[in-house]
Amino acid sequence: MASVYVSTEEQNRLAGLAPAEAQALASQMLEEDEARLHALRERVLALRRLYNNAALVNAKLPVELRVAIFRSAGRLTSPMNAIWLTHVCHAWRSLIHSAPCFWTDFLNPPPGHRLTGSTMNPFALLGALSWSAPMRFTLGLYGDLLPALQTPAALAHLSRMTGMYLDCRSMEDNDMRPFFYLSLPSLESLELWLDCSTLLRPRDLSADSPARFPRLRSLKTTCTSFALAWVGSTLRLLHILAMDEEVTTPAEARLMRCCPLRSVSRITEVLDRCPNLEDLKLFGCLPSGGSDWHDDPASFAHPPSTRLDHLESLEIGDDVDDVRSLLERCTLPRDTVLTIHTDSEYDAISGFLPVKNPLQLPLVRQVKVAVCRPAQDYPHTVQGSAPEADGTSRTRLTVFSTDQSIMYPGGDVDLLRLFRGFAPCFSPVDVVDFSISLGEPVQRGQSAAWTWLMRNFPRLTHLSVEATATDDLFSALAQDDVVPELATLRVALTGPEDAVVAHEEMVTVLELRASRGVRLRLFVYRRQMNRERFVIVQTAAPLPYEPTSINLPVSPVVDDTFKEPLGNASIRAVPWQDQKARRHASTPPRRRDAATGLTKELAPPPECHVDQTSSTGPAFARPPLSEPPPLRRHYCIAAPNC
């Protein structure tokens, strides 16, 4: 077999040589062949690269566009998928390695794809740090990759780090000790997710101070112990959160918090160190049982106040008493956007307001109230909006309540208690636009509550009400000296009450107000049906072969239009928009004539049999079948409460 690959000339050269000489000559020939083979391999590789470079995706697309596509692939998948792009061809690998922006995205992946040592080799992290130069970057990782940042290859690049997301909540990531030995002089944003009950950290952290991070502007943390020692005058954003990102209510936050504050004085001391703070969020971290100065009558009469003159947004979620205790000790600017999450009862939504240090609430013009919303974490919501300089409206005050006491069977809403419960949040003479939505039926005979509301806000010009019954509302409107400046009235009836009776009562009241010289510019009335869902139910037997129509127990959609003005008020009824498709499905199709502009009804398709005789609602028809169905079929049933 050797003669096949060795020529006759080469065999003759080796013949008659001593063994040592033959080995030396064969070794020389082998080196020459290996050199030629290496050159051939390099030639093949170069030709392959030329072939790939001539591909349309590389030849036609600009470099900037290809880099943008590669960056999008990494953000939409995961860091490991982004690395696989470098294995496609030499052109892609060279382009990605020369694009620092790609690696800055790699170092800060989207939530759910943070860098972790369980799925990533630390050398990939070190390579990304090197290829991201000279750009600044944000690093998002879990605690098991912290030791890789202590290597000399990583320390050389940490001076470019401006942001860090660190998750040390699990047992695999709970060793945070390497973090305290890192030098991060350029760090501006820090987000820490910790569980102090299992966290491994240095024993003595008393020397920690704002000097550790001299440029820190944003701090989000679950820890109220050592992390707050880094708060300094450069801080602009401070969020203290629960240990789980999916927590939505204060009760859940108190169960999932890392370590609560021991006293209100502790948080005020921290706030005093950052007078330029612009965004503050405290969720489930306040001390339980009120503040630590209520026992001192002198302190209660003149509580020490922390001035936050630059605060733009304040969000607090906790027990209503604890929220009020904190607000007693803070002086906020008038234009601060305030968001409160509490467990206050529906008739005490304003219970968070401080007593001795009243808030300087913004000039709220528009108020929106939603009460008894089913299947919501916060059934009750109160919002206040104020006008901006550009003419738009911005929400300035939002209060959420988790009270479920009246959401169970037998719970009745006392409208007067409800109105008096949130009214102190707003100035009566400033509110001109009021909107309220009652998600559950209320007892009749509460017209006195509506009267109190309208007299408490006497300058209302716009009123919008969504309720199951409106007789009490119009009874209040019929009284003297009630919202004399009212110009726009919108009513949405969500209950099953008789529409004819409601129409007559509305017309009577509007005529009465018109006779007194109080006229509306716009009145919009609509009847809103409960939304329905359609479910697929398998029949026990095949459907019959003859034409069949299924009558569903659905109330017809009301679309009444008032054509005669009452008291110079244009009155029109608007159907509920969610029922638009159902209305068109139950009426014959229409087509507009281009010549005359008139709308004509078209005949239904000849193969479709529609039953228009039912009084229970629109009929859904099935085309006749030409032959028996071979398998069981399904049909839709309107299920209002499925």
Foldseek 3Di string as FASTA:
>chain_A
DVPVVADPVRVVVLPPDDPVVNVVVVVVVVVVVVVVVVVVVVVVLVVVQVVVCPDCVNVPDDLVVVLVVLLVVCQVPELVVSVVQLVPHVVSVVSCLQDLVSLLCSQPHDPPHAAEPVPDDLVVVLSSLVSNPPAAHEGEHEQLSLVSCPDPSNLVRLQSYAHYHYEQDDLNRQECASVVVHQRANHAEYAYQYAVVRHHYDPDLPPQALVSHVRHAYYHYLDPPNVLRNQAQNHAYYAHFFNDPPDDALVVRLVRGRAADPFLVSVLVSLLRHLQHAYYEYGNRFDPDAGPCPVPVVCVLPPAARENERHAEYEYHYALRRLLRNVVRYAYDQNHAYEYHYADALLAQVSNAHDNHGHNHHLFAEKEWAALDPPDQFRTKIWTWDADPVGDIDTRYMTTHRHCPQNDPPRADQLQSNLNNCLVVHQLARYAHYEYEYNDAHDPDNLVSLLVNQVSNQQHQHYEYEHQDCLSVLVSLQDPSGNLNHAEYEYEHEHDDDPVVVVVSVLVSQLSSLVVVRHYAEYEYEYAYQDWDKDKDFDPDADDQFWDKDDAQAAEWDADADDDDRSNYHYGYDYDPVCPVVNCVQDADWDADPPPRDIDGDDDDPQWDFDPPDNRYGMDTDGGDPDGDPDTDIDIHIDSPD
